[in-house]
Amino acid sequence: REAAYRKVAEARIRAVIPLDPALLNQPVAKREEPRVAF
């Protein structure tokens, strides 16, 4: 609701450079991997 905070936030976010998506890929959790019978 505060205009002064919004102004700062806009400028701050505008300057952010996203990370390479390859650095953020999460491996499948072991408990979520497909079951394999022996």
PDB file of all heavy atoms in Angstrom:
ATOM      1  N   ARG A   1       0.802  -1.220   0.000  1.00  0.00           N
ATOM      2  CA  ARG A   1       0.000   0.000   0.000  1.00  0.00           C
ATOM      3  C   ARG A   1       0.838   1.275   0.000  1.00  0.00           C
ATOM      4  O   ARG A   1       0.344   2.339  -0.383  1.00  0.00           O
ATOM      5  CB  ARG A   1      -0.950   0.009   1.197  1.00  0.00           C
ATOM      6  CG  ARG A   1      -0.308   0.316   2.524  1.00  0.00           C
ATOM      7  CD  ARG A   1      -1.320   0.365   3.649  1.00  0.00           C
ATOM      8  NE  ARG A   1      -0.777   1.020   4.831  1.00  0.00           N
ATOM      9  CZ  ARG A   1      -1.455   1.194   5.957  1.00  0.00           C
ATOM     10  NH1 ARG A   1      -2.701   0.744   6.049  1.00  0.00           N
ATOM     11  NH2 ARG A   1      -0.897   1.809   6.979  1.00  0.00           N
ATOM     12  N   GLU A   2       2.105   1.197   0.439  1.00  0.00           N
ATOM     13  CA  GLU A   2       2.941   2.390   0.558  1.00  0.00           C
ATOM     14  C   GLU A   2       3.648   2.670  -0.767  1.00  0.00           C
ATOM     15  O   GLU A   2       4.453   1.868  -1.241  1.00  0.00           O
ATOM     16  CB  GLU A   2       3.974   2.210   1.671  1.00  0.00           C
ATOM     17  CG  GLU A   2       3.368   1.911   3.038  1.00  0.00           C
ATOM     18  CD  GLU A   2       2.577   3.082   3.584  1.00  0.00           C
ATOM     19  OE1 GLU A   2       2.942   4.246   3.268  1.00  0.00           O
ATOM     20  OE2 GLU A   2       1.597   2.851   4.318  1.00  0.00           O
ATOM     21  N   ALA A   3       3.361   3.823  -1.367  1.00  0.00           N
ATOM     22  CA  ALA A   3       3.927   4.159  -2.674  1.00  0.00           C
ATOM     23  C   ALA A   3       5.449   4.227  -2.640  1.00  0.00           C
ATOM     24  O   ALA A   3       6.127   3.839  -3.604  1.00  0.00           O
ATOM     25  CB  ALA A   3       3.354   5.492  -3.156  1.00  0.00           C
ATOM     26  N   ALA A   4       6.026   4.716  -1.546  1.00  0.00           N
ATOM     27  CA  ALA A   4       7.486   4.829  -1.460  1.00  0.00           C
ATOM     28  C   ALA A   4       8.142   3.454  -1.522  1.00  0.00           C
ATOM     29  O   ALA A   4       9.184   3.275  -2.163  1.00  0.00           O
ATOM     30  CB  ALA A   4       7.874   5.546  -0.169  1.00  0.00           C
ATOM     31  N   TYR A   5       7.542   2.470  -0.865  1.00  0.00           N
ATOM     32  CA  TYR A   5       8.094   1.111  -0.898  1.00  0.00           C
ATOM     33  C   TYR A   5       7.959   0.508  -2.294  1.00  0.00           C
ATOM     34  O   TYR A   5       8.868  -0.164  -2.794  1.00  0.00           O
ATOM     35  CB  TYR A   5       7.383   0.224   0.112  1.00  0.00           C
ATOM     36  CG  TYR A   5       7.538   0.637   1.563  1.00  0.00           C
ATOM     37  CD1 TYR A   5       6.653   0.165   2.528  1.00  0.00           C
ATOM     38  CD2 TYR A   5       8.557   1.490   1.976  1.00  0.00           C
ATOM     39  CE1 TYR A   5       6.777   0.525   3.869  1.00  0.00           C
ATOM     40  CE2 TYR A   5       8.693   1.858   3.297  1.00  0.00           C
ATOM     41  CZ  TYR A   5       7.796   1.379   4.244  1.00  0.00           C
ATOM     42  OH  TYR A   5       7.922   1.738   5.554  1.00  0.00           O
ATOM     43  N   ARG A   6       6.816   0.747  -2.933  1.00  0.00           N
ATOM     44  CA  ARG A   6       6.614   0.207  -4.280  1.00  0.00           C
ATOM     45  C   ARG A   6       7.648   0.755  -5.249  1.00  0.00           C
ATOM     46  O   ARG A   6       8.176   0.019  -6.098  1.00  0.00           O
ATOM     47  CB  ARG A   6       5.200   0.526  -4.774  1.00  0.00           C
ATOM     48  CG  ARG A   6       4.083  -0.106  -3.977  1.00  0.00           C
ATOM     49  CD  ARG A   6       2.759  -0.064  -4.731  1.00  0.00           C
ATOM     50  NE  ARG A   6       2.343   1.279  -5.067  1.00  0.00           N
ATOM     51  CZ  ARG A   6       1.520   2.029  -4.335  1.00  0.00           C
ATOM     52  NH1 ARG A   6       1.040   1.561  -3.192  1.00  0.00           N
ATOM     53  NH2 ARG A   6       1.164   3.239  -4.729  1.00  0.00           N
ATOM     54  N   LYS A   7       7.952   2.031  -5.130  1.00  0.00           N
ATOM     55  CA  LYS A   7       8.923   2.660  -6.028  1.00  0.00           C
ATOM     56  C   LYS A   7      10.290   2.005  -5.879  1.00  0.00           C
ATOM     57  O   LYS A   7      10.963   1.692  -6.876  1.00  0.00           O
ATOM     58  CB  LYS A   7       9.013   4.153  -5.728  1.00  0.00           C
ATOM     59  CG  LYS A   7       9.996   4.909  -6.611  1.00  0.00           C
ATOM     60  CD  LYS A   7      10.019   6.396  -6.252  1.00  0.00           C
ATOM     61  CE  LYS A   7      11.027   7.156  -7.113  1.00  0.00           C
ATOM     62  NZ  LYS A   7      11.074   8.595  -6.750  1.00  0.00           N
ATOM     63  N   VAL A   8      10.719   1.770  -4.649  1.00  0.00           N
ATOM     64  CA  VAL A   8      12.004   1.121  -4.404  1.00  0.00           C
ATOM     65  C   VAL A   8      11.987  -0.309  -4.921  1.00  0.00           C
ATOM     66  O   VAL A   8      12.944  -0.783  -5.548  1.00  0.00           O
ATOM     67  CB  VAL A   8      12.338   1.155  -2.901  1.00  0.00           C
ATOM     68  CG1 VAL A   8      13.594   0.327  -2.607  1.00  0.00           C
ATOM     69  CG2 VAL A   8      12.531   2.583  -2.418  1.00  0.00           C
ATOM     70  N   ALA A   9      10.887  -1.015  -4.676  1.00  0.00           N
ATOM     71  CA  ALA A   9      10.785  -2.412  -5.102  1.00  0.00           C
ATOM     72  C   ALA A   9      10.862  -2.548  -6.614  1.00  0.00           C
ATOM     73  O   ALA A   9      11.534  -3.446  -7.139  1.00  0.00           O
ATOM     74  CB  ALA A   9       9.485  -3.014  -4.584  1.00  0.00           C
ATOM     75  N   GLU A  10      10.181  -1.670  -7.328  1.00  0.00           N
ATOM     76  CA  GLU A  10      10.195  -1.735  -8.785  1.00  0.00           C
ATOM     77  C   GLU A  10      11.609  -1.595  -9.337  1.00  0.00           C
ATOM     78  O   GLU A  10      12.040  -2.366 -10.204  1.00  0.00           O
ATOM     79  CB  GLU A  10       9.299  -0.649  -9.370  1.00  0.00           C
ATOM     80  CG  GLU A  10       7.823  -0.895  -9.183  1.00  0.00           C
ATOM     81  CD  GLU A  10       7.000   0.236  -9.765  1.00  0.00           C
ATOM     82  OE1 GLU A  10       7.377   1.410  -9.595  1.00  0.00           O
ATOM     83  OE2 GLU A  10       5.982  -0.056 -10.404  1.00  0.00           O
ATOM     84  N   ALA A  11      12.330  -0.587  -8.842  1.00  0.00           N
ATOM     85  CA  ALA A  11      13.696  -0.361  -9.322  1.00  0.00           C
ATOM     86  C   ALA A  11      14.594  -1.530  -8.956  1.00  0.00           C
ATOM     87  O   ALA A  11      15.446  -1.956  -9.748  1.00  0.00           O
ATOM     88  CB  ALA A  11      14.244   0.939  -8.726  1.00  0.00           C
ATOM     89  N   ARG A  12      14.407  -2.053  -7.774  1.00  0.00           N
ATOM     90  CA  ARG A  12      15.238  -3.175  -7.315  1.00  0.00           C
ATOM     91  C   ARG A  12      15.030  -4.409  -8.181  1.00  0.00           C
ATOM     92  O   ARG A  12      15.991  -5.050  -8.616  1.00  0.00           O
ATOM     93  CB  ARG A  12      14.867  -3.480  -5.865  1.00  0.00           C
ATOM     94  CG  ARG A  12      15.565  -4.686  -5.273  1.00  0.00           C
ATOM     95  CD  ARG A  12      14.985  -4.985  -3.899  1.00  0.00           C
ATOM     96  NE  ARG A  12      15.758  -5.964  -3.170  1.00  0.00           N
ATOM     97  CZ  ARG A  12      15.448  -6.379  -1.944  1.00  0.00           C
ATOM     98  NH1 ARG A  12      14.382  -5.886  -1.340  1.00  0.00           N
ATOM     99  NH2 ARG A  12      16.194  -7.288  -1.337  1.00  0.00           N
ATOM    100  N   ILE A  13      13.779  -4.761  -8.428  1.00  0.00           N
ATOM    101  CA  ILE A  13      13.477  -5.970  -9.190  1.00  0.00           C
ATOM    102  C   ILE A  13      13.889  -5.819 -10.646  1.00  0.00           C
ATOM    103  O   ILE A  13      14.346  -6.769 -11.282  1.00  0.00           O
ATOM    104  CB  ILE A  13      11.981  -6.305  -9.059  1.00  0.00           C
ATOM    105  CG1 ILE A  13      11.664  -6.657  -7.601  1.00  0.00           C
ATOM    106  CG2 ILE A  13      11.588  -7.455  -9.981  1.00  0.00           C
ATOM    107  CD1 ILE A  13      10.193  -6.765  -7.299  1.00  0.00           C
ATOM    108  N   ARG A  14      13.749  -4.615 -11.163  1.00  0.00           N
ATOM    109  CA  ARG A  14      14.133  -4.369 -12.549  1.00  0.00           C
ATOM    110  C   ARG A  14      15.611  -4.681 -12.780  1.00  0.00           C
ATOM    111  O   ARG A  14      16.012  -5.093 -13.872  1.00  0.00           O
ATOM    112  CB  ARG A  14      13.826  -2.915 -12.914  1.00  0.00           C
ATOM    113  CG  ARG A  14      13.802  -2.626 -14.402  1.00  0.00           C
ATOM    114  CD  ARG A  14      13.455  -1.160 -14.663  1.00  0.00           C
ATOM    115  NE  ARG A  14      12.165  -0.806 -14.097  1.00  0.00           N
ATOM    116  CZ  ARG A  14      11.969   0.111 -13.175  1.00  0.00           C
ATOM    117  NH1 ARG A  14      12.995   0.794 -12.688  1.00  0.00           N
ATOM    118  NH2 ARG A  14      10.757   0.383 -12.729  1.00  0.00           N
ATOM    119  N   ALA A  15      16.436  -4.503 -11.766  1.00  0.00           N
ATOM    120  CA  ALA A  15      17.882  -4.701 -11.907  1.00  0.00           C
ATOM    121  C   ALA A  15      18.316  -6.150 -11.723  1.00  0.00           C
ATOM    122  O   ALA A  15      19.475  -6.482 -11.971  1.00  0.00           O
ATOM    123  CB  ALA A  15      18.612  -3.814 -10.902  1.00  0.00           C
ATOM    124  N   VAL A  16      17.413  -7.019 -11.301  1.00  0.00           N
ATOM    125  CA  VAL A  16      17.771  -8.415 -11.026  1.00  0.00           C
ATOM    126  C   VAL A  16      17.958  -9.183 -12.330  1.00  0.00           C
ATOM    127  O   VAL A  16      17.144  -9.083 -13.253  1.00  0.00           O
ATOM    128  CB  VAL A  16      16.695  -9.095 -10.163  1.00  0.00           C
ATOM    129  CG1 VAL A  16      16.966 -10.595 -10.043  1.00  0.00           C
ATOM    130  CG2 VAL A  16      16.645  -8.453  -8.785  1.00  0.00           C
ATOM    131  N   ILE A  17      19.016  -9.970 -12.395  1.00  0.00           N
ATOM    132  CA  ILE A  17      19.286 -10.843 -13.546  1.00  0.00           C
ATOM    133  C   ILE A  17      18.990 -12.283 -13.131  1.00  0.00           C
ATOM    134  O   ILE A  17      19.608 -12.799 -12.194  1.00  0.00           O
ATOM    135  CB  ILE A  17      20.743 -10.720 -14.018  1.00  0.00           C
ATOM    136  CG1 ILE A  17      21.040  -9.284 -14.442  1.00  0.00           C
ATOM    137  CG2 ILE A  17      21.025 -11.693 -15.165  1.00  0.00           C
ATOM    138  CD1 ILE A  17      22.500  -9.047 -14.805  1.00  0.00           C
ATOM    139  N   PRO A  18      18.042 -12.946 -13.772  1.00  0.00           N
ATOM    140  CA  PRO A  18      17.715 -14.320 -13.401  1.00  0.00           C
ATOM    141  C   PRO A  18      18.902 -15.262 -13.603  1.00  0.00           C
ATOM    142  O   PRO A  18      19.719 -15.074 -14.502  1.00  0.00           O
ATOM    143  CB  PRO A  18      16.549 -14.683 -14.328  1.00  0.00           C
ATOM    144  CG  PRO A  18      15.996 -13.366 -14.785  1.00  0.00           C
ATOM    145  CD  PRO A  18      17.156 -12.431 -14.834  1.00  0.00           C
ATOM    146  N   LEU A  19      18.965 -16.287 -12.760  1.00  0.00           N
ATOM    147  CA  LEU A  19      20.001 -17.296 -12.900  1.00  0.00           C
ATOM    148  C   LEU A  19      19.711 -18.198 -14.095  1.00  0.00           C
ATOM    149  O   LEU A  19      18.574 -18.321 -14.553  1.00  0.00           O
ATOM    150  CB  LEU A  19      20.087 -18.142 -11.633  1.00  0.00           C
ATOM    151  CG  LEU A  19      20.607 -17.450 -10.368  1.00  0.00           C
ATOM    152  CD1 LEU A  19      20.472 -18.376  -9.163  1.00  0.00           C
ATOM    153  CD2 LEU A  19      22.059 -17.032 -10.548  1.00  0.00           C
ATOM    154  N   ASP A  20      20.754 -18.843 -14.584  1.00  0.00           N
ATOM    155  CA  ASP A  20      20.607 -19.823 -15.653  1.00  0.00           C
ATOM    156  C   ASP A  20      19.668 -20.926 -15.170  1.00  0.00           C
ATOM    157  O   ASP A  20      19.901 -21.527 -14.116  1.00  0.00           O
ATOM    158  CB  ASP A  20      21.978 -20.417 -15.989  1.00  0.00           C
ATOM    159  CG  ASP A  20      21.940 -21.397 -17.143  1.00  0.00           C
ATOM    160  OD1 ASP A  20      20.845 -21.862 -17.513  1.00  0.00           O
ATOM    161  OD2 ASP A  20      23.016 -21.732 -17.673  1.00  0.00           O
ATOM    162  N   PRO A  21      18.585 -21.207 -15.896  1.00  0.00           N
ATOM    163  CA  PRO A  21      17.635 -22.244 -15.456  1.00  0.00           C
ATOM    164  C   PRO A  21      18.286 -23.589 -15.186  1.00  0.00           C
ATOM    165  O   PRO A  21      17.813 -24.355 -14.337  1.00  0.00           O
ATOM    166  CB  PRO A  21      16.645 -22.335 -16.627  1.00  0.00           C
ATOM    167  CG  PRO A  21      16.709 -20.989 -17.274  1.00  0.00           C
ATOM    168  CD  PRO A  21      18.136 -20.539 -17.134  1.00  0.00           C
ATOM    169  N   ALA A  22      19.384 -23.892 -15.879  1.00  0.00           N
ATOM    170  CA  ALA A  22      20.053 -25.178 -15.670  1.00  0.00           C
ATOM    171  C   ALA A  22      20.578 -25.313 -14.242  1.00  0.00           C
ATOM    172  O   ALA A  22      20.740 -26.430 -13.732  1.00  0.00           O
ATOM    173  CB  ALA A  22      21.196 -25.341 -16.663  1.00  0.00           C
ATOM    174  N   LEU A  23      20.855 -24.181 -13.590  1.00  0.00           N
ATOM    175  CA  LEU A  23      21.355 -24.226 -12.220  1.00  0.00           C
ATOM    176  C   LEU A  23      20.258 -24.501 -11.210  1.00  0.00           C
ATOM    177  O   LEU A  23      20.546 -24.792 -10.042  1.00  0.00           O
ATOM    178  CB  LEU A  23      22.030 -22.891 -11.862  1.00  0.00           C
ATOM    179  CG  LEU A  23      23.266 -22.500 -12.670  1.00  0.00           C
ATOM    180  CD1 LEU A  23      23.733 -21.106 -12.270  1.00  0.00           C
ATOM    181  CD2 LEU A  23      24.383 -23.520 -12.464  1.00  0.00           C
ATOM    182  N   LEU A  24      19.003 -24.417 -11.653  1.00  0.00           N
ATOM    183  CA  LEU A  24      17.881 -24.512 -10.721  1.00  0.00           C
ATOM    184  C   LEU A  24      17.073 -25.790 -10.873  1.00  0.00           C
ATOM    185  O   LEU A  24      16.128 -26.019 -10.120  1.00  0.00           O
ATOM    186  CB  LEU A  24      16.955 -23.305 -10.904  1.00  0.00           C
ATOM    187  CG  LEU A  24      17.618 -21.941 -10.671  1.00  0.00           C
ATOM    188  CD1 LEU A  24      16.695 -20.824 -11.113  1.00  0.00           C
ATOM    189  CD2 LEU A  24      17.990 -21.778  -9.204  1.00  0.00           C
ATOM    190  N   ASN A  25      17.430 -26.624 -11.848  1.00  0.00           N
ATOM    191  CA  ASN A  25      16.696 -27.875 -12.032  1.00  0.00           C
ATOM    192  C   ASN A  25      16.916 -28.783 -10.830  1.00  0.00           C
ATOM    193  O   ASN A  25      18.045 -29.017 -10.404  1.00  0.00           O
ATOM    194  CB  ASN A  25      17.161 -28.589 -13.307  1.00  0.00           C
ATOM    195  CG  ASN A  25      16.754 -27.838 -14.561  1.00  0.00           C
ATOM    196  OD1 ASN A  25      15.771 -27.098 -14.550  1.00  0.00           O
ATOM    197  ND2 ASN A  25      17.504 -28.022 -15.638  1.00  0.00           N
ATOM    198  N   GLN A  26      15.825 -29.291 -10.291  1.00  0.00           N
ATOM    199  CA  GLN A  26      15.898 -30.179  -9.139  1.00  0.00           C
ATOM    200  C   GLN A  26      15.855 -31.633  -9.606  1.00  0.00           C
ATOM    201  O   GLN A  26      14.981 -32.003 -10.399  1.00  0.00           O
ATOM    202  CB  GLN A  26      14.728 -29.923  -8.183  1.00  0.00           C
ATOM    203  CG  GLN A  26      14.796 -28.592  -7.454  1.00  0.00           C
ATOM    204  CD  GLN A  26      15.842 -28.597  -6.344  1.00  0.00           C
ATOM    205  OE1 GLN A  26      16.435 -29.624  -6.027  1.00  0.00           O
ATOM    206  NE2 GLN A  26      16.080 -27.439  -5.763  1.00  0.00           N
ATOM    207  N   PRO A  27      16.782 -32.477  -9.139  1.00  0.00           N
ATOM    208  CA  PRO A  27      16.675 -33.898  -9.463  1.00  0.00           C
ATOM    209  C   PRO A  27      15.424 -34.487  -8.823  1.00  0.00           C
ATOM    210  O   PRO A  27      14.930 -33.987  -7.808  1.00  0.00           O
ATOM    211  CB  PRO A  27      17.950 -34.492  -8.843  1.00  0.00           C
ATOM    212  CG  PRO A  27      18.323 -33.536  -7.751  1.00  0.00           C
ATOM    213  CD  PRO A  27      17.910 -32.175  -8.245  1.00  0.00           C
ATOM    214  N   VAL A  28      14.932 -35.543  -9.429  1.00  0.00           N
ATOM    215  CA  VAL A  28      13.746 -36.198  -8.881  1.00  0.00           C
ATOM    216  C   VAL A  28      14.085 -36.781  -7.514  1.00  0.00           C
ATOM    217  O   VAL A  28      15.099 -37.467  -7.344  1.00  0.00           O
ATOM    218  CB  VAL A  28      13.259 -37.316  -9.829  1.00  0.00           C
ATOM    219  CG1 VAL A  28      12.058 -38.041  -9.233  1.00  0.00           C
ATOM    220  CG2 VAL A  28      12.912 -36.734 -11.196  1.00  0.00           C
ATOM    221  N   ALA A  29      13.271 -36.500  -6.528  1.00  0.00           N
ATOM    222  CA  ALA A  29      13.490 -37.057  -5.190  1.00  0.00           C
ATOM    223  C   ALA A  29      13.390 -38.572  -5.245  1.00  0.00           C
ATOM    224  O   ALA A  29      12.596 -39.140  -6.008  1.00  0.00           O
ATOM    225  CB  ALA A  29      12.461 -36.492  -4.216  1.00  0.00           C
ATOM    226  N   LYS A  30      14.201 -39.238  -4.445  1.00  0.00           N
ATOM    227  CA  LYS A  30      14.232 -40.699  -4.475  1.00  0.00           C
ATOM    228  C   LYS A  30      12.863 -41.303  -4.227  1.00  0.00           C
ATOM    229  O   LYS A  30      12.478 -42.292  -4.853  1.00  0.00           O
ATOM    230  CB  LYS A  30      15.237 -41.209  -3.450  1.00  0.00           C
ATOM    231  CG  LYS A  30      16.688 -40.927  -3.824  1.00  0.00           C
ATOM    232  CD  LYS A  30      17.660 -41.550  -2.823  1.00  0.00           C
ATOM    233  CE  LYS A  30      19.099 -41.310  -3.254  1.00  0.00           C
ATOM    234  NZ  LYS A  30      20.064 -41.908  -2.298  1.00  0.00           N
ATOM    235  N   ARG A  31      12.113 -40.715  -3.308  1.00  0.00           N
ATOM    236  CA  ARG A  31      10.800 -41.273  -2.997  1.00  0.00           C
ATOM    237  C   ARG A  31       9.804 -41.075  -4.126  1.00  0.00           C
ATOM    238  O   ARG A  31       8.733 -41.699  -4.131  1.00  0.00           O
ATOM    239  CB  ARG A  31      10.262 -40.653  -1.704  1.00  0.00           C
ATOM    240  CG  ARG A  31       9.911 -39.191  -1.798  1.00  0.00           C
ATOM    241  CD  ARG A  31       9.435 -38.640  -0.464  1.00  0.00           C
ATOM    242  NE  ARG A  31      10.485 -38.715   0.541  1.00  0.00           N
ATOM    243  CZ  ARG A  31      10.311 -38.402   1.826  1.00  0.00           C
ATOM    244  NH1 ARG A  31       9.123 -38.023   2.244  1.00  0.00           N
ATOM    245  NH2 ARG A  31      11.308 -38.465   2.677  1.00  0.00           N
ATOM    246  N   GLU A  32      10.132 -40.181  -5.089  1.00  0.00           N
ATOM    247  CA  GLU A  32       9.245 -39.930  -6.215  1.00  0.00           C
ATOM    248  C   GLU A  32       9.674 -40.671  -7.471  1.00  0.00           C
ATOM    249  O   GLU A  32       8.984 -40.604  -8.490  1.00  0.00           O
ATOM    250  CB  GLU A  32       9.179 -38.426  -6.494  1.00  0.00           C
ATOM    251  CG  GLU A  32       8.584 -37.623  -5.342  1.00  0.00           C
ATOM    252  CD  GLU A  32       8.623 -36.130  -5.600  1.00  0.00           C
ATOM    253  OE1 GLU A  32       9.141 -35.742  -6.666  1.00  0.00           O
ATOM    254  OE2 GLU A  32       8.168 -35.366  -4.738  1.00  0.00           O
ATOM    255  N   GLU A  33      10.805 -41.356  -7.418  1.00  0.00           N
ATOM    256  CA  GLU A  33      11.260 -42.112  -8.582  1.00  0.00           C
ATOM    257  C   GLU A  33      10.374 -43.339  -8.794  1.00  0.00           C
ATOM    258  O   GLU A  33       9.800 -43.883  -7.840  1.00  0.00           O
ATOM    259  CB  GLU A  33      12.713 -42.545  -8.385  1.00  0.00           C
ATOM    260  CG  GLU A  33      13.705 -41.400  -8.425  1.00  0.00           C
ATOM    261  CD  GLU A  33      15.138 -41.863  -8.227  1.00  0.00           C
ATOM    262  OE1 GLU A  33      15.363 -42.774  -7.401  1.00  0.00           O
ATOM    263  OE2 GLU A  33      16.030 -41.318  -8.889  1.00  0.00           O
ATOM    264  N   PRO A  34      10.233 -43.794 -10.037  1.00  0.00           N
ATOM    265  CA  PRO A  34       9.378 -44.959 -10.295  1.00  0.00           C
ATOM    266  C   PRO A  34       9.909 -46.211  -9.598  1.00  0.00           C
ATOM    267  O   PRO A  34      11.116 -46.423  -9.495  1.00  0.00           O
ATOM    268  CB  PRO A  34       9.437 -45.102 -11.826  1.00  0.00           C
ATOM    269  CG  PRO A  34      10.681 -44.376 -12.243  1.00  0.00           C
ATOM    270  CD  PRO A  34      10.848 -43.265 -11.263  1.00  0.00           C
ATOM    271  N   ARG A  35       8.990 -46.999  -9.092  1.00  0.00           N
ATOM    272  CA  ARG A  35       9.374 -48.236  -8.402  1.00  0.00           C
ATOM    273  C   ARG A  35       9.907 -49.248  -9.411  1.00  0.00           C
ATOM    274  O   ARG A  35       9.380 -49.392 -10.517  1.00  0.00           O
ATOM    275  CB  ARG A  35       8.188 -48.821  -7.647  1.00  0.00           C
ATOM    276  CG  ARG A  35       7.692 -47.939  -6.508  1.00  0.00           C
ATOM    277  CD  ARG A  35       6.538 -48.601  -5.779  1.00  0.00           C
ATOM    278  NE  ARG A  35       6.944 -49.836  -5.126  1.00  0.00           N
ATOM    279  CZ  ARG A  35       7.472 -49.916  -3.908  1.00  0.00           C
ATOM    280  NH1 ARG A  35       7.674 -48.798  -3.215  1.00  0.00           N
ATOM    281  NH2 ARG A  35       7.800 -51.069  -3.389  1.00  0.00           N
ATOM    282  N   VAL A  36      10.936 -49.946  -9.008  1.00  0.00           N
ATOM    283  CA  VAL A  36      11.536 -50.986  -9.842  1.00  0.00           C
ATOM    284  C   VAL A  36      11.655 -52.252  -8.999  1.00  0.00           C
ATOM    285  O   VAL A  36      12.248 -52.225  -7.915  1.00  0.00           O
ATOM    286  CB  VAL A  36      12.929 -50.566 -10.355  1.00  0.00           C
ATOM    287  CG1 VAL A  36      13.595 -51.725 -11.109  1.00  0.00           C
ATOM    288  CG2 VAL A  36      12.825 -49.348 -11.254  1.00  0.00           C
ATOM    289  N   ALA A  37      11.095 -53.328  -9.480  1.00  0.00           N
ATOM    290  CA  ALA A  37      11.200 -54.604  -8.777  1.00  0.00           C
ATOM    291  C   ALA A  37      12.547 -55.254  -9.059  1.00  0.00           C
ATOM    292  O   ALA A  37      13.115 -55.091 -10.150  1.00  0.00           O
ATOM    293  CB  ALA A  37      10.068 -55.532  -9.204  1.00  0.00           C
ATOM    294  N   PHE A  38      13.060 -55.991  -8.085  1.00  0.00           N
ATOM    295  CA  PHE A  38      14.337 -56.673  -8.299  1.00  0.00           C
ATOM    296  C   PHE A  38      14.245 -57.647  -9.473  1.00  0.00           C
ATOM    297  O   PHE A  38      15.210 -57.833 -10.222  1.00  0.00           O
ATOM    298  CB  PHE A  38      14.760 -57.406  -7.018  1.00  0.00           C
ATOM    299  CG  PHE A  38      16.064 -58.134  -7.140  1.00  0.00           C
ATOM    300  CD1 PHE A  38      17.261 -57.441  -7.297  1.00  0.00           C
ATOM    301  CD2 PHE A  38      16.106 -59.524  -7.114  1.00  0.00           C
ATOM    302  CE1 PHE A  38      18.466 -58.111  -7.423  1.00  0.00           C
ATOM    303  CE2 PHE A  38      17.315 -60.205  -7.233  1.00  0.00           C
ATOM    304  CZ  PHE A  38      18.495 -59.491  -7.390  1.00  0.00           C
TER     305      PHE A  38
END
